[in-house]
Amino acid sequence: MTRPNPVFEEVLGSLPDRQRELVEAAYAVLEHSSEPVHRQYLPALQDATSHERLEQLLRRTGRTLVAVDGLHFTSGFDDTVAAELATMNWQPLPLVDRAVLVLVLVYSIAIPRSEEQIGPDAWTSPYPTTVGDIFRNSKVPVAEARAALGRLTASGLLRNVRGREHEGGYVPGPQLLRLTPAARERLQDQLILAAAPDHPLAAVVRERRQSHQQGA
């Protein structure tokens, strides 16, 4: 017999069975779906009590509800938990995977955003980073870069797309939509520093970070 999860019991124990089922179902689909979920499949969001308990359950497990576009939702790391993991130097990706991921984000997100071809907070892109871009601009050996692309695609951090108007290649995957607004801002700053360290925007990012450190 499976023992009840004490966190679930504490947060959901007082709910009627039907409400509890809706919250548990929403939690499961938000955590495990490979793509953001339309709100029509999350009836727990329609009821104030169920909605509040869902958010509370996510917080108790280090997660938070992320609204992707007002209609689709997913879950991501709570900002406080993410900060704690950062101070512990927790890094789930090997260096080679991070290098390849940054290259894709620079070509698919940072450059088109600087040219106003995608929105300032967009994390999907119609501009694939080609394999040639990755091999040409990375010091990572070709075999290791290919392996990294495979791992990043399998994890949902990248998506492989076929060419239409543009040459096929890699674009950000659905897992990046799990980022909270604060996490997206941090990643955007990192992309500016990586793509254009001498640009005036990079100077603004460094100045803002220095101000935050002095005020901490």
N, C-alpha and C. Protein backbone atom coordinates (compact mmCIF):
# COMPACT_ATOMS: atom_id res chain seq x y z
N MET A 1 0.84 -1.19 0.00
CA MET A 1 0.00 0.00 0.00
C MET A 1 0.88 1.25 0.00
N THR A 2 0.59 2.18 -0.91
CA THR A 2 1.38 3.41 -1.03
C THR A 2 1.02 4.37 0.10
N ARG A 3 2.04 4.89 0.77
CA ARG A 3 1.79 5.86 1.83
C ARG A 3 1.45 7.22 1.25
N PRO A 4 0.50 7.94 1.84
CA PRO A 4 0.16 9.26 1.34
C PRO A 4 1.34 10.22 1.48
N ASN A 5 1.50 11.08 0.50
CA ASN A 5 2.56 12.09 0.55
C ASN A 5 2.19 13.12 1.61
N PRO A 6 3.05 13.35 2.62
CA PRO A 6 2.68 14.27 3.70
C PRO A 6 2.47 15.70 3.22
N VAL A 7 3.20 16.14 2.20
CA VAL A 7 3.01 17.50 1.68
C VAL A 7 1.64 17.61 1.03
N PHE A 8 1.28 16.63 0.23
CA PHE A 8 -0.03 16.64 -0.42
C PHE A 8 -1.13 16.60 0.63
N GLU A 9 -0.92 15.79 1.66
CA GLU A 9 -1.94 15.68 2.70
C GLU A 9 -2.13 17.00 3.43
N GLU A 10 -1.03 17.66 3.73
CA GLU A 10 -1.11 18.91 4.46
C GLU A 10 -1.81 19.99 3.64
N VAL A 11 -1.52 20.05 2.34
CA VAL A 11 -2.09 21.10 1.50
C VAL A 11 -3.50 20.77 1.03
N LEU A 12 -3.74 19.49 0.73
CA LEU A 12 -5.00 19.11 0.09
C LEU A 12 -5.96 18.33 0.99
N GLY A 13 -5.49 17.98 2.19
CA GLY A 13 -6.27 17.09 3.05
C GLY A 13 -7.66 17.58 3.39
N SER A 14 -7.85 18.90 3.45
CA SER A 14 -9.16 19.44 3.84
C SER A 14 -10.11 19.64 2.67
N LEU A 15 -9.65 19.37 1.46
CA LEU A 15 -10.49 19.58 0.28
C LEU A 15 -11.45 18.40 0.08
N PRO A 16 -12.63 18.66 -0.47
CA PRO A 16 -13.50 17.56 -0.90
C PRO A 16 -12.79 16.73 -1.97
N ASP A 17 -13.18 15.46 -2.10
CA ASP A 17 -12.50 14.55 -3.01
C ASP A 17 -12.40 15.11 -4.42
N ARG A 18 -13.50 15.69 -4.95
CA ARG A 18 -13.48 16.16 -6.33
C ARG A 18 -12.47 17.29 -6.51
N GLN A 19 -12.46 18.25 -5.57
CA GLN A 19 -11.49 19.35 -5.68
C GLN A 19 -10.07 18.84 -5.57
N ARG A 20 -9.86 17.91 -4.66
CA ARG A 20 -8.51 17.35 -4.51
C ARG A 20 -8.06 16.67 -5.80
N GLU A 21 -8.94 15.93 -6.43
CA GLU A 21 -8.60 15.26 -7.69
C GLU A 21 -8.21 16.27 -8.77
N LEU A 22 -8.95 17.38 -8.82
CA LEU A 22 -8.64 18.40 -9.84
C LEU A 22 -7.26 19.02 -9.60
N VAL A 23 -6.94 19.29 -8.33
CA VAL A 23 -5.64 19.89 -8.02
C VAL A 23 -4.52 18.90 -8.30
N GLU A 24 -4.69 17.66 -7.89
CA GLU A 24 -3.66 16.65 -8.13
C GLU A 24 -3.44 16.43 -9.62
N ALA A 25 -4.54 16.42 -10.38
CA ALA A 25 -4.42 16.23 -11.82
C ALA A 25 -3.70 17.41 -12.47
N ALA A 26 -4.03 18.63 -12.03
CA ALA A 26 -3.38 19.82 -12.58
C ALA A 26 -1.89 19.82 -12.25
N TYR A 27 -1.57 19.47 -11.02
CA TYR A 27 -0.16 19.42 -10.62
C TYR A 27 0.61 18.43 -11.49
N ALA A 28 0.04 17.27 -11.70
CA ALA A 28 0.71 16.23 -12.47
C ALA A 28 0.92 16.65 -13.92
N VAL A 29 -0.10 17.23 -14.54
CA VAL A 29 0.02 17.59 -15.95
C VAL A 29 0.96 18.78 -16.13
N LEU A 30 0.95 19.73 -15.20
CA LEU A 30 1.87 20.86 -15.29
C LEU A 30 3.32 20.41 -15.16
N GLU A 31 3.57 19.49 -14.25
CA GLU A 31 4.94 19.04 -14.01
C GLU A 31 5.47 18.13 -15.10
N HIS A 32 4.60 17.34 -15.70
CA HIS A 32 5.09 16.28 -16.58
C HIS A 32 4.80 16.50 -18.06
N SER A 33 3.97 17.46 -18.41
CA SER A 33 3.70 17.69 -19.83
C SER A 33 4.94 18.29 -20.50
N SER A 34 5.21 17.83 -21.71
CA SER A 34 6.38 18.34 -22.44
C SER A 34 6.14 19.73 -23.01
N GLU A 35 4.90 20.16 -23.08
CA GLU A 35 4.54 21.48 -23.62
C GLU A 35 3.65 22.20 -22.61
N PRO A 36 3.58 23.53 -22.67
CA PRO A 36 2.60 24.24 -21.85
C PRO A 36 1.19 23.74 -22.10
N VAL A 37 0.35 23.79 -21.08
CA VAL A 37 -0.99 23.19 -21.12
C VAL A 37 -2.05 24.28 -21.23
N HIS A 38 -3.01 24.10 -22.13
CA HIS A 38 -4.10 25.07 -22.27
C HIS A 38 -4.97 25.02 -21.02
N ARG A 39 -5.45 26.19 -20.60
CA ARG A 39 -6.20 26.26 -19.35
C ARG A 39 -7.48 25.43 -19.38
N GLN A 40 -8.01 25.10 -20.58
CA GLN A 40 -9.21 24.27 -20.63
C GLN A 40 -8.96 22.87 -20.08
N TYR A 41 -7.68 22.47 -20.05
CA TYR A 41 -7.34 21.16 -19.49
C TYR A 41 -6.89 21.25 -18.04
N LEU A 42 -7.09 22.44 -17.46
CA LEU A 42 -6.72 22.67 -16.06
C LEU A 42 -7.91 23.24 -15.31
N PRO A 43 -8.96 22.45 -15.11
CA PRO A 43 -10.15 22.97 -14.44
C PRO A 43 -9.88 23.47 -13.03
N ALA A 44 -8.78 23.06 -12.42
CA ALA A 44 -8.46 23.56 -11.08
C ALA A 44 -8.23 25.07 -11.09
N LEU A 45 -7.86 25.63 -12.25
CA LEU A 45 -7.64 27.08 -12.33
C LEU A 45 -8.94 27.87 -12.33
N GLN A 46 -10.06 27.20 -12.59
CA GLN A 46 -11.33 27.91 -12.69
C GLN A 46 -11.97 28.18 -11.33
N ASP A 47 -11.52 27.46 -10.33
CA ASP A 47 -12.07 27.59 -8.98
C ASP A 47 -11.04 28.24 -8.07
N ALA A 48 -11.44 29.29 -7.35
CA ALA A 48 -10.49 30.06 -6.56
C ALA A 48 -9.77 29.21 -5.51
N THR A 49 -10.51 28.37 -4.81
CA THR A 49 -9.90 27.54 -3.77
C THR A 49 -8.92 26.53 -4.37
N SER A 50 -9.36 25.86 -5.42
CA SER A 50 -8.49 24.87 -6.07
C SER A 50 -7.24 25.54 -6.64
N HIS A 51 -7.43 26.71 -7.23
CA HIS A 51 -6.31 27.47 -7.80
C HIS A 51 -5.29 27.81 -6.72
N GLU A 52 -5.78 28.30 -5.59
CA GLU A 52 -4.90 28.69 -4.48
C GLU A 52 -4.15 27.47 -3.93
N ARG A 53 -4.85 26.34 -3.78
CA ARG A 53 -4.19 25.15 -3.26
C ARG A 53 -3.16 24.61 -4.25
N LEU A 54 -3.44 24.74 -5.56
CA LEU A 54 -2.48 24.31 -6.56
C LEU A 54 -1.20 25.13 -6.46
N GLU A 55 -1.35 26.43 -6.33
CA GLU A 55 -0.16 27.27 -6.21
C GLU A 55 0.58 26.97 -4.91
N GLN A 56 -0.17 26.71 -3.85
CA GLN A 56 0.46 26.38 -2.57
C GLN A 56 1.23 25.06 -2.67
N LEU A 57 0.63 24.07 -3.35
CA LEU A 57 1.28 22.78 -3.51
C LEU A 57 2.56 22.92 -4.33
N LEU A 58 2.51 23.72 -5.38
CA LEU A 58 3.70 23.96 -6.19
C LEU A 58 4.80 24.61 -5.35
N ARG A 59 4.43 25.62 -4.55
CA ARG A 59 5.42 26.29 -3.70
C ARG A 59 6.06 25.33 -2.72
N ARG A 60 5.25 24.46 -2.13
CA ARG A 60 5.77 23.52 -1.13
C ARG A 60 6.75 22.53 -1.74
N THR A 61 6.70 22.35 -3.05
CA THR A 61 7.62 21.42 -3.71
C THR A 61 8.66 22.17 -4.53
N GLY A 62 8.85 23.46 -4.23
CA GLY A 62 9.90 24.23 -4.88
C GLY A 62 9.57 24.71 -6.28
N ARG A 63 8.30 24.66 -6.63
CA ARG A 63 7.87 25.01 -7.98
C ARG A 63 6.93 26.21 -7.95
N THR A 64 6.60 26.72 -9.13
CA THR A 64 5.68 27.83 -9.22
C THR A 64 4.91 27.74 -10.52
N LEU A 65 3.72 28.33 -10.55
CA LEU A 65 2.89 28.33 -11.75
C LEU A 65 3.40 29.41 -12.69
N VAL A 66 3.60 29.05 -13.96
CA VAL A 66 4.12 29.99 -14.96
C VAL A 66 3.06 30.16 -16.05
N ALA A 67 2.58 31.38 -16.22
CA ALA A 67 1.65 31.69 -17.30
C ALA A 67 2.46 32.01 -18.55
N VAL A 68 2.26 31.23 -19.60
CA VAL A 68 3.05 31.41 -20.82
C VAL A 68 2.49 32.54 -21.66
N ASP A 69 1.17 32.53 -21.89
CA ASP A 69 0.57 33.57 -22.73
C ASP A 69 -0.84 33.96 -22.28
N GLY A 70 -1.19 33.60 -21.07
CA GLY A 70 -2.53 33.88 -20.58
C GLY A 70 -3.49 32.73 -20.81
N LEU A 71 -3.21 31.89 -21.78
CA LEU A 71 -4.05 30.74 -22.08
C LEU A 71 -3.35 29.42 -21.77
N HIS A 72 -2.04 29.43 -21.82
CA HIS A 72 -1.27 28.21 -21.57
C HIS A 72 -0.42 28.38 -20.31
N PHE A 73 -0.30 27.27 -19.58
CA PHE A 73 0.42 27.30 -18.30
C PHE A 73 1.38 26.12 -18.21
N THR A 74 2.41 26.33 -17.41
CA THR A 74 3.33 25.26 -17.08
C THR A 74 3.85 25.52 -15.67
N SER A 75 4.81 24.75 -15.22
CA SER A 75 5.40 24.98 -13.90
C SER A 75 6.90 25.10 -14.06
N GLY A 76 7.52 25.82 -13.14
CA GLY A 76 8.96 26.01 -13.19
C GLY A 76 9.53 26.13 -11.80
N PHE A 77 10.85 26.24 -11.72
CA PHE A 77 11.48 26.42 -10.42
C PHE A 77 11.07 27.76 -9.82
N ASP A 78 10.70 27.73 -8.56
CA ASP A 78 10.47 28.97 -7.81
C ASP A 78 11.77 29.77 -7.78
N ASP A 79 11.66 31.11 -7.91
CA ASP A 79 12.85 31.96 -8.00
C ASP A 79 13.75 31.82 -6.77
N THR A 80 13.15 31.68 -5.60
CA THR A 80 13.95 31.54 -4.38
C THR A 80 14.74 30.23 -4.40
N VAL A 81 14.08 29.17 -4.84
CA VAL A 81 14.75 27.86 -4.93
C VAL A 81 15.86 27.93 -5.98
N ALA A 82 15.58 28.58 -7.11
CA ALA A 82 16.61 28.70 -8.16
C ALA A 82 17.83 29.46 -7.64
N ALA A 83 17.59 30.50 -6.84
CA ALA A 83 18.71 31.27 -6.28
C ALA A 83 19.52 30.42 -5.31
N GLU A 84 18.84 29.61 -4.51
CA GLU A 84 19.55 28.74 -3.57
C GLU A 84 20.39 27.71 -4.32
N LEU A 85 19.84 27.16 -5.38
CA LEU A 85 20.59 26.18 -6.17
C LEU A 85 21.81 26.83 -6.82
N ALA A 86 21.65 28.09 -7.25
CA ALA A 86 22.77 28.80 -7.86
C ALA A 86 23.90 29.01 -6.86
N THR A 87 23.55 29.35 -5.62
CA THR A 87 24.58 29.58 -4.60
C THR A 87 25.32 28.28 -4.27
N MET A 88 24.66 27.15 -4.51
CA MET A 88 25.27 25.84 -4.27
C MET A 88 26.04 25.35 -5.50
N ASN A 89 26.09 26.21 -6.54
CA ASN A 89 26.77 25.86 -7.80
C ASN A 89 26.16 24.61 -8.45
N TRP A 90 24.85 24.44 -8.25
CA TRP A 90 24.17 23.31 -8.88
C TRP A 90 24.03 23.58 -10.36
N GLN A 91 24.47 22.66 -11.19
CA GLN A 91 24.43 22.84 -12.63
C GLN A 91 24.12 21.49 -13.27
N PRO A 92 22.90 21.30 -13.78
CA PRO A 92 22.52 20.00 -14.32
C PRO A 92 23.11 19.69 -15.69
N LEU A 93 23.60 20.73 -16.40
CA LEU A 93 24.11 20.52 -17.75
C LEU A 93 25.63 20.51 -17.77
N PRO A 94 26.25 19.58 -18.50
CA PRO A 94 27.71 19.64 -18.66
C PRO A 94 28.11 20.86 -19.48
N LEU A 95 29.37 21.22 -19.38
CA LEU A 95 29.87 22.44 -20.02
C LEU A 95 29.61 22.46 -21.52
N VAL A 96 29.82 21.34 -22.19
CA VAL A 96 29.63 21.31 -23.64
C VAL A 96 28.17 21.58 -24.01
N ASP A 97 27.24 21.05 -23.23
CA ASP A 97 25.82 21.29 -23.50
C ASP A 97 25.48 22.77 -23.30
N ARG A 98 26.04 23.36 -22.26
CA ARG A 98 25.78 24.79 -22.02
C ARG A 98 26.32 25.64 -23.16
N ALA A 99 27.50 25.30 -23.66
CA ALA A 99 28.09 26.08 -24.75
C ALA A 99 27.22 26.02 -26.00
N VAL A 100 26.75 24.83 -26.34
CA VAL A 100 25.92 24.67 -27.53
C VAL A 100 24.57 25.36 -27.33
N LEU A 101 23.99 25.24 -26.14
CA LEU A 101 22.71 25.90 -25.86
C LEU A 101 22.83 27.41 -25.99
N VAL A 102 23.91 27.98 -25.46
CA VAL A 102 24.11 29.43 -25.57
C VAL A 102 24.22 29.86 -27.02
N LEU A 103 24.93 29.10 -27.83
CA LEU A 103 25.05 29.45 -29.25
C LEU A 103 23.69 29.48 -29.93
N VAL A 104 22.87 28.48 -29.65
CA VAL A 104 21.53 28.45 -30.26
C VAL A 104 20.71 29.64 -29.79
N LEU A 105 20.78 29.97 -28.52
CA LEU A 105 20.01 31.09 -28.00
C LEU A 105 20.50 32.42 -28.58
N VAL A 106 21.80 32.54 -28.78
CA VAL A 106 22.34 33.77 -29.37
C VAL A 106 21.81 33.95 -30.79
N TYR A 107 21.90 32.90 -31.61
CA TYR A 107 21.50 33.01 -33.01
C TYR A 107 19.98 33.04 -33.20
N SER A 108 19.25 32.28 -32.38
CA SER A 108 17.81 32.18 -32.57
C SER A 108 17.02 33.22 -31.79
N ILE A 109 17.59 33.72 -30.69
CA ILE A 109 16.87 34.67 -29.84
C ILE A 109 17.56 36.03 -29.79
N ALA A 110 18.81 36.06 -29.34
CA ALA A 110 19.47 37.34 -29.07
C ALA A 110 19.62 38.20 -30.32
N ILE A 111 20.10 37.61 -31.40
CA ILE A 111 20.31 38.39 -32.62
C ILE A 111 18.99 38.84 -33.24
N PRO A 112 18.01 37.96 -33.44
CA PRO A 112 16.72 38.43 -33.96
C PRO A 112 16.05 39.47 -33.06
N ARG A 113 16.21 39.33 -31.74
CA ARG A 113 15.62 40.30 -30.82
C ARG A 113 16.30 41.66 -30.99
N SER A 114 17.63 41.67 -31.16
CA SER A 114 18.35 42.93 -31.34
C SER A 114 17.95 43.63 -32.64
N GLU A 115 17.48 42.83 -33.61
CA GLU A 115 17.03 43.38 -34.89
C GLU A 115 15.52 43.60 -34.91
N GLU A 116 14.87 43.45 -33.74
CA GLU A 116 13.43 43.67 -33.56
C GLU A 116 12.61 42.74 -34.45
N GLN A 117 13.12 41.52 -34.68
CA GLN A 117 12.39 40.54 -35.46
C GLN A 117 11.54 39.64 -34.59
N ILE A 118 11.83 39.60 -33.29
CA ILE A 118 10.98 38.92 -32.32
C ILE A 118 10.81 39.84 -31.12
N GLY A 119 9.80 39.55 -30.30
CA GLY A 119 9.49 40.42 -29.17
C GLY A 119 10.55 40.42 -28.09
N PRO A 120 10.52 41.44 -27.22
CA PRO A 120 11.55 41.56 -26.18
C PRO A 120 11.52 40.45 -25.14
N ASP A 121 10.39 39.75 -25.00
CA ASP A 121 10.32 38.68 -24.01
C ASP A 121 9.97 37.35 -24.68
N ALA A 122 10.27 37.24 -25.99
CA ALA A 122 9.95 36.01 -26.72
C ALA A 122 11.02 34.96 -26.47
N TRP A 123 10.58 33.72 -26.22
CA TRP A 123 11.52 32.61 -26.04
C TRP A 123 11.21 31.47 -26.98
N THR A 124 10.42 31.77 -28.02
CA THR A 124 10.30 30.89 -29.17
C THR A 124 10.77 31.69 -30.37
N SER A 125 11.21 31.00 -31.41
CA SER A 125 11.82 31.71 -32.52
C SER A 125 11.60 30.99 -33.85
N PRO A 126 11.33 31.74 -34.93
CA PRO A 126 11.23 31.15 -36.26
C PRO A 126 12.58 31.16 -36.99
N TYR A 127 13.64 31.48 -36.26
CA TYR A 127 14.97 31.61 -36.88
C TYR A 127 15.90 30.51 -36.35
N PRO A 128 15.92 29.37 -37.01
CA PRO A 128 16.75 28.27 -36.52
C PRO A 128 18.25 28.59 -36.59
N THR A 129 18.95 28.08 -35.62
CA THR A 129 20.42 28.11 -35.64
C THR A 129 20.88 26.88 -36.40
N THR A 130 21.62 27.08 -37.48
CA THR A 130 22.03 25.94 -38.29
C THR A 130 23.16 25.17 -37.63
N VAL A 131 23.32 23.93 -38.05
CA VAL A 131 24.43 23.13 -37.57
C VAL A 131 25.75 23.79 -37.96
N GLY A 132 25.77 24.41 -39.15
CA GLY A 132 26.97 25.12 -39.59
C GLY A 132 27.34 26.25 -38.66
N ASP A 133 26.32 27.01 -38.18
CA ASP A 133 26.58 28.09 -37.22
C ASP A 133 27.25 27.54 -35.96
N ILE A 134 26.74 26.41 -35.50
CA ILE A 134 27.26 25.84 -34.26
C ILE A 134 28.70 25.35 -34.44
N PHE A 135 28.93 24.62 -35.51
CA PHE A 135 30.27 24.07 -35.74
C PHE A 135 31.28 25.18 -36.04
N ARG A 136 30.83 26.21 -36.77
CA ARG A 136 31.74 27.27 -37.19
C ARG A 136 32.13 28.18 -36.03
N ASN A 137 31.22 28.39 -35.09
CA ASN A 137 31.44 29.39 -34.05
C ASN A 137 31.69 28.78 -32.68
N SER A 138 31.92 27.51 -32.63
CA SER A 138 32.18 26.84 -31.36
C SER A 138 33.52 26.13 -31.42
N LYS A 139 34.21 26.11 -30.29
CA LYS A 139 35.46 25.37 -30.18
C LYS A 139 35.21 23.93 -29.76
N VAL A 140 33.92 23.59 -29.61
CA VAL A 140 33.57 22.22 -29.22
C VAL A 140 33.80 21.29 -30.41
N PRO A 141 34.49 20.18 -30.22
CA PRO A 141 34.66 19.21 -31.32
C PRO A 141 33.32 18.80 -31.91
N VAL A 142 33.31 18.54 -33.21
CA VAL A 142 32.07 18.25 -33.92
C VAL A 142 31.30 17.10 -33.30
N ALA A 143 31.99 16.02 -32.99
CA ALA A 143 31.31 14.85 -32.42
C ALA A 143 30.66 15.19 -31.08
N GLU A 144 31.36 15.97 -30.25
CA GLU A 144 30.80 16.35 -28.95
C GLU A 144 29.63 17.31 -29.12
N ALA A 145 29.73 18.21 -30.09
CA ALA A 145 28.63 19.15 -30.35
C ALA A 145 27.39 18.39 -30.82
N ARG A 146 27.57 17.41 -31.69
CA ARG A 146 26.43 16.62 -32.15
C ARG A 146 25.78 15.87 -30.99
N ALA A 147 26.61 15.31 -30.12
CA ALA A 147 26.07 14.60 -28.96
C ALA A 147 25.31 15.56 -28.05
N ALA A 148 25.84 16.76 -27.87
CA ALA A 148 25.17 17.76 -27.03
C ALA A 148 23.83 18.16 -27.64
N LEU A 149 23.79 18.34 -28.96
CA LEU A 149 22.52 18.67 -29.62
C LEU A 149 21.49 17.57 -29.40
N GLY A 150 21.93 16.33 -29.44
CA GLY A 150 21.02 15.22 -29.19
C GLY A 150 20.47 15.24 -27.77
N ARG A 151 21.34 15.50 -26.80
CA ARG A 151 20.89 15.53 -25.40
C ARG A 151 19.96 16.71 -25.14
N LEU A 152 20.30 17.87 -25.68
CA LEU A 152 19.49 19.07 -25.47
C LEU A 152 18.12 18.93 -26.12
N THR A 153 18.08 18.27 -27.27
CA THR A 153 16.80 18.05 -27.94
C THR A 153 15.95 17.04 -27.17
N ALA A 154 16.59 15.98 -26.69
CA ALA A 154 15.86 14.95 -25.93
C ALA A 154 15.28 15.53 -24.64
N SER A 155 15.97 16.50 -24.03
CA SER A 155 15.50 17.09 -22.77
C SER A 155 14.47 18.18 -22.99
N GLY A 156 14.24 18.58 -24.24
CA GLY A 156 13.26 19.63 -24.51
C GLY A 156 13.82 21.04 -24.43
N LEU A 157 15.13 21.18 -24.21
CA LEU A 157 15.73 22.51 -24.18
C LEU A 157 15.92 23.07 -25.58
N LEU A 158 16.05 22.19 -26.55
CA LEU A 158 16.12 22.59 -27.96
C LEU A 158 15.09 21.80 -28.75
N ARG A 159 14.74 22.36 -29.91
CA ARG A 159 13.85 21.66 -30.84
C ARG A 159 14.50 21.70 -32.22
N ASN A 160 14.50 20.55 -32.89
CA ASN A 160 15.04 20.48 -34.25
C ASN A 160 13.91 20.76 -35.23
N VAL A 161 14.11 21.72 -36.13
CA VAL A 161 13.07 22.10 -37.09
C VAL A 161 13.60 21.97 -38.50
N ARG A 162 12.71 21.64 -39.41
CA ARG A 162 13.09 21.54 -40.81
C ARG A 162 12.97 22.91 -41.46
N GLY A 163 13.75 23.10 -42.49
CA GLY A 163 13.77 24.39 -43.18
C GLY A 163 12.52 24.63 -43.99
N ARG A 164 12.04 25.87 -43.95
CA ARG A 164 10.94 26.32 -44.81
C ARG A 164 11.43 27.60 -45.47
N GLU A 165 11.01 28.73 -44.89
CA GLU A 165 11.54 29.99 -45.41
C GLU A 165 13.02 30.12 -45.08
N HIS A 166 13.41 29.56 -43.95
CA HIS A 166 14.80 29.63 -43.51
C HIS A 166 15.37 28.22 -43.49
N GLU A 167 16.69 28.14 -43.51
CA GLU A 167 17.35 26.85 -43.42
C GLU A 167 17.00 26.19 -42.09
N GLY A 168 16.84 24.88 -42.10
CA GLY A 168 16.50 24.17 -40.88
C GLY A 168 17.63 24.20 -39.87
N GLY A 169 17.32 23.79 -38.67
CA GLY A 169 18.32 23.79 -37.61
C GLY A 169 17.67 23.63 -36.26
N TYR A 170 18.15 24.38 -35.27
CA TYR A 170 17.69 24.24 -33.89
C TYR A 170 17.16 25.56 -33.35
N VAL A 171 16.05 25.47 -32.62
CA VAL A 171 15.45 26.63 -31.95
C VAL A 171 15.23 26.26 -30.49
N PRO A 172 14.97 27.25 -29.63
CA PRO A 172 14.70 26.93 -28.22
C PRO A 172 13.52 25.97 -28.10
N GLY A 173 13.63 25.04 -27.15
CA GLY A 173 12.59 24.05 -26.94
C GLY A 173 11.59 24.47 -25.87
N PRO A 174 10.55 23.68 -25.65
CA PRO A 174 9.47 24.04 -24.74
C PRO A 174 9.88 24.13 -23.28
N GLN A 175 10.98 23.48 -22.90
CA GLN A 175 11.38 23.56 -21.49
C GLN A 175 11.78 24.98 -21.09
N LEU A 176 12.22 25.79 -22.04
CA LEU A 176 12.59 27.17 -21.71
C LEU A 176 11.36 28.01 -21.36
N LEU A 177 10.17 27.54 -21.75
CA LEU A 177 8.95 28.26 -21.39
C LEU A 177 8.62 28.08 -19.91
N ARG A 178 9.35 27.20 -19.22
CA ARG A 178 9.15 27.04 -17.77
C ARG A 178 9.83 28.14 -16.97
N LEU A 179 10.59 29.00 -17.62
CA LEU A 179 11.28 30.07 -16.90
C LEU A 179 10.28 31.09 -16.37
N THR A 180 10.50 31.54 -15.14
CA THR A 180 9.69 32.62 -14.58
C THR A 180 10.13 33.95 -15.21
N PRO A 181 9.34 35.01 -15.06
CA PRO A 181 9.76 36.32 -15.60
C PRO A 181 11.15 36.73 -15.11
N ALA A 182 11.43 36.52 -13.82
CA ALA A 182 12.75 36.90 -13.28
C ALA A 182 13.85 36.06 -13.91
N ALA A 183 13.60 34.77 -14.10
CA ALA A 183 14.60 33.90 -14.72
C ALA A 183 14.82 34.28 -16.18
N ARG A 184 13.74 34.65 -16.88
CA ARG A 184 13.88 35.08 -18.27
C ARG A 184 14.73 36.34 -18.36
N GLU A 185 14.53 37.25 -17.42
CA GLU A 185 15.32 38.49 -17.42
C GLU A 185 16.80 38.18 -17.19
N ARG A 186 17.08 37.27 -16.26
CA ARG A 186 18.48 36.91 -16.00
C ARG A 186 19.11 36.28 -17.24
N LEU A 187 18.37 35.39 -17.90
CA LEU A 187 18.90 34.74 -19.09
C LEU A 187 19.09 35.75 -20.22
N GLN A 188 18.16 36.68 -20.34
CA GLN A 188 18.30 37.72 -21.36
C GLN A 188 19.57 38.53 -21.13
N ASP A 189 19.84 38.89 -19.88
CA ASP A 189 21.06 39.63 -19.56
C ASP A 189 22.30 38.81 -19.93
N GLN A 190 22.26 37.50 -19.62
CA GLN A 190 23.40 36.64 -19.95
C GLN A 190 23.64 36.59 -21.46
N LEU A 191 22.55 36.56 -22.22
CA LEU A 191 22.69 36.52 -23.68
C LEU A 191 23.30 37.81 -24.21
N ILE A 192 22.90 38.94 -23.63
CA ILE A 192 23.49 40.21 -24.05
C ILE A 192 24.99 40.21 -23.79
N LEU A 193 25.37 39.75 -22.61
CA LEU A 193 26.79 39.72 -22.26
C LEU A 193 27.57 38.74 -23.15
N ALA A 194 26.92 37.63 -23.52
CA ALA A 194 27.61 36.63 -24.34
C ALA A 194 27.69 37.06 -25.80
N ALA A 195 26.60 37.67 -26.31
CA ALA A 195 26.53 37.99 -27.73
C ALA A 195 27.22 39.30 -28.08
N ALA A 196 27.16 40.27 -27.16
CA ALA A 196 27.70 41.60 -27.48
C ALA A 196 28.28 42.24 -26.23
N PRO A 197 29.40 41.72 -25.73
CA PRO A 197 29.96 42.23 -24.47
C PRO A 197 30.38 43.69 -24.53
N ASP A 198 30.61 44.23 -25.72
CA ASP A 198 31.02 45.62 -25.84
C ASP A 198 29.86 46.56 -26.19
N HIS A 199 28.66 46.01 -26.31
CA HIS A 199 27.49 46.82 -26.65
C HIS A 199 27.08 47.66 -25.44
N PRO A 200 26.51 48.86 -25.65
CA PRO A 200 26.05 49.68 -24.53
C PRO A 200 25.08 48.95 -23.61
N LEU A 201 24.24 48.03 -24.17
CA LEU A 201 23.32 47.28 -23.33
C LEU A 201 24.06 46.39 -22.34
N ALA A 202 25.20 45.85 -22.78
CA ALA A 202 26.01 45.02 -21.88
C ALA A 202 26.54 45.84 -20.72
N ALA A 203 26.92 47.08 -21.01
CA ALA A 203 27.39 47.97 -19.95
C ALA A 203 26.28 48.25 -18.95
N VAL A 204 25.05 48.40 -19.46
CA VAL A 204 23.90 48.63 -18.57
C VAL A 204 23.67 47.43 -17.68
N VAL A 205 23.77 46.22 -18.26
CA VAL A 205 23.58 45.00 -17.48
C VAL A 205 24.63 44.90 -16.37
N ARG A 206 25.90 45.15 -16.71
CA ARG A 206 26.97 45.07 -15.70
C ARG A 206 26.76 46.12 -14.61
N GLU A 207 26.34 47.31 -15.01
CA GLU A 207 26.13 48.37 -14.02
C GLU A 207 24.98 48.02 -13.09
N ARG A 208 23.90 47.46 -13.65
CA ARG A 208 22.75 47.08 -12.83
C ARG A 208 23.13 45.98 -11.84
N ARG A 209 23.91 45.02 -12.31
CA ARG A 209 24.33 43.92 -11.43
C ARG A 209 25.23 44.44 -10.31
N GLN A 210 26.11 45.36 -10.65
CA GLN A 210 26.99 45.91 -9.63
C GLN A 210 26.20 46.68 -8.58
N SER A 211 25.16 47.39 -9.02
CA SER A 211 24.31 48.13 -8.08
C SER A 211 23.58 47.18 -7.15
N HIS A 212 23.09 46.06 -7.72
CA HIS A 212 22.39 45.09 -6.89
C HIS A 212 23.32 44.46 -5.86
N GLN A 213 24.55 44.18 -6.27
CA GLN A 213 25.51 43.57 -5.34
C GLN A 213 25.87 44.54 -4.22
N GLN A 214 26.01 45.82 -4.55
CA GLN A 214 26.34 46.82 -3.53
C GLN A 214 25.18 47.05 -2.57
N GLY A 215 23.95 46.88 -3.10
CA GLY A 215 22.78 47.11 -2.27
C GLY A 215 22.36 45.89 -1.47
N ALA A 216 22.97 44.73 -1.81
CA ALA A 216 22.61 43.49 -1.11
C ALA A 216 23.13 43.49 0.33
